[in-house]
Amino acid sequence: PMMLSTAAAYASPAVSLFSVNSAYQSSTSKILHLIRHAEGTHNLNEEQSKLPLHFDAKLTETGVKQCNELAKQTKDLDVEAIVVSPLTRTLDTAILSFPHLYGDNKNKKTVPFIAHEEWRETVNFL
């Protein structure tokens, strides 16, 4: 069975990096890293989280700091693509957590950043 293990210490409980345990890899396998979005405005107050203002919540200052800390841990990962939901908080988390792979960076290595509706959470607003 596949087991998940913490790949690295994380910035806070709101932003975590989990990877499939390398002991289960074959030479043809890929590693899937799962990262939860950083703190968004909808995370600050549970009672107000369902208001229309928070349907596409933005990151808080703490969320941006969490991404900056996570970026220190992701810089050495061998990443081929990044897939996120099309929500602002997930897009911003991806861009801020992988700045070395996005756009016009100093390393000149970029990977596709794919916003896909199937990765969008829906349970918060039902």
Foldseek 3Di string as FASTA:
>chain_A
DWDKDFPDDAPDPQWGWIWTDPVPDDPPDDIDIDIHFFAWPLVPDVVCNQPPVNPQTAHDPRRLVRLQRLLVVCVPDPDAEAEAAPRNRGVSSVCSNPVCADDDHPVPHHHYYHHDNVRDDDPSHD
